[in-house]
Protein backbone atom coordinates (compact mmCIF):
# COMPACT_ATOMS: atom_id res chain seq x y z
CA TYR A 1 0.34 1.07 -35.12
CA LYS A 2 1.69 0.47 -31.63
CA VAL A 3 -0.17 2.80 -29.24
CA ASN A 4 -0.59 3.57 -25.54
CA PRO A 5 -3.40 5.44 -23.76
CA GLY A 6 -2.89 9.21 -24.00
CA GLN A 7 -0.71 8.96 -27.10
CA THR A 8 -1.50 10.90 -30.29
CA VAL A 9 -1.02 9.05 -33.58
CA ARG A 10 -1.52 10.01 -37.25
CA VAL A 11 -3.41 7.49 -39.40
CA ASP A 12 -4.86 7.50 -42.91
CA ARG A 13 -8.05 9.56 -43.08
CA LEU A 14 -11.04 8.32 -41.08
CA GLU A 15 -14.54 9.74 -41.43
CA GLY A 16 -15.75 11.80 -38.48
CA GLN A 17 -15.83 15.24 -36.93
CA ILE A 18 -13.15 16.70 -34.66
CA GLY A 19 -13.96 15.76 -31.07
CA SER A 20 -15.93 12.63 -31.97
CA THR A 21 -15.00 9.18 -30.67
CA VAL A 22 -13.87 6.32 -32.91
CA THR A 23 -13.69 2.64 -31.94
CA LEU A 24 -11.05 0.56 -33.70
CA GLY A 25 -11.82 -3.16 -33.53
CA LYS A 26 -8.99 -4.80 -35.47
CA VAL A 27 -6.36 -5.24 -32.76
CA LEU A 28 -3.39 -7.54 -33.47
CA MET A 29 -1.84 -7.69 -29.99
CA VAL A 30 -2.66 -6.52 -26.45
CA SER A 31 -0.25 -6.49 -23.52
CA GLY A 32 -1.04 -5.74 -19.91
CA ASP A 33 -1.18 -8.40 -17.20
CA ALA A 34 -0.70 -10.99 -19.95
CA ILE A 35 0.18 -10.70 -23.61
CA LYS A 36 -2.56 -11.69 -26.06
CA VAL A 37 -1.67 -12.22 -29.71
CA GLY A 38 -4.46 -12.50 -32.27
CA THR A 39 -4.88 -14.94 -35.13
CA PRO A 40 -5.14 -12.54 -36.95
CA TYR A 41 -7.07 -10.31 -34.50
CA VAL A 42 -7.65 -10.47 -30.73
CA GLU A 43 -11.28 -11.39 -30.00
CA GLY A 44 -13.12 -8.75 -27.97
CA ALA A 45 -10.26 -6.24 -28.05
CA SER A 46 -10.81 -2.65 -29.13
CA VAL A 47 -9.15 0.74 -29.02
CA GLU A 48 -11.17 3.87 -28.29
CA ALA A 49 -9.78 7.13 -29.67
CA GLU A 50 -10.83 10.75 -30.11
CA ILE A 51 -10.36 12.61 -33.40
CA VAL A 52 -8.23 15.69 -32.70
CA GLU A 53 -7.36 16.78 -36.26
CA GLN A 54 -8.35 16.22 -39.91
CA HIS A 55 -5.57 17.54 -42.10
CA ARG A 56 -3.33 17.03 -45.14
CA THR A 57 0.42 16.54 -45.29
CA ARG A 58 2.84 18.81 -47.11
CA LYS A 59 2.80 18.53 -50.89
CA VAL A 60 5.07 15.89 -52.40
CA LEU A 61 6.26 16.72 -55.92
CA VAL A 62 6.82 14.01 -58.53
CA PHE A 63 8.77 14.95 -61.64
CA LYS A 64 9.13 12.60 -64.62
CA TYR A 65 11.70 13.39 -67.28
CA LYS A 66 13.11 11.67 -70.36
CA LYS A 67 16.33 13.07 -71.74
CA ARG A 68 16.39 14.40 -75.31
CA LYS A 69 12.65 13.70 -75.86
CA GLY A 70 11.02 16.85 -74.51
CA TYR A 71 8.98 14.77 -72.06
CA ARG A 72 8.44 16.40 -68.68
CA VAL A 73 5.57 15.82 -66.24
CA LYS A 74 5.25 17.51 -62.87
CA LYS A 75 2.64 16.19 -60.43
CA GLY A 76 1.85 16.91 -56.81
CA HIS A 77 0.18 14.87 -54.07
CA ARG A 78 -1.11 15.72 -50.58
CA GLN A 79 -2.11 12.78 -48.38
CA HIS A 80 -5.14 13.19 -46.09
CA TYR A 81 -4.67 12.04 -42.50
CA THR A 82 -6.48 11.98 -39.17
CA ALA A 83 -4.78 12.60 -35.83
CA LEU A 84 -6.18 10.40 -33.04
CA ARG A 85 -5.70 10.67 -29.27
CA ILE A 86 -5.91 7.20 -27.74
CA LYS A 87 -8.35 7.14 -24.82
CA ASP A 88 -8.62 3.48 -23.84
CA ILE A 89 -7.44 0.02 -24.87
CA SER A 90 -9.74 -2.78 -23.77
CA ALA A 91 -9.42 -6.56 -24.07
CA LYS A 92 -12.03 -8.99 -22.79
């Protein structure tokens, strides 16, 4: 994800309580005074974020059907996600 400090972003579920701080260490690119691109990750770069929400998306319905065979399957899925507020982006 492309993020800036103060931004809120939704990611796949991360373990942790609401209000706790998470450090993300796999950073692909950092820009500021100079642009740093990783191969594949930038050494010493990290993103610090606060968990603001643990939730699930709206239900997505999947319906399978075969004509003239009496085959019908209805399934539902709700994806878990975590909302993060970006506090700081650091690169050494």
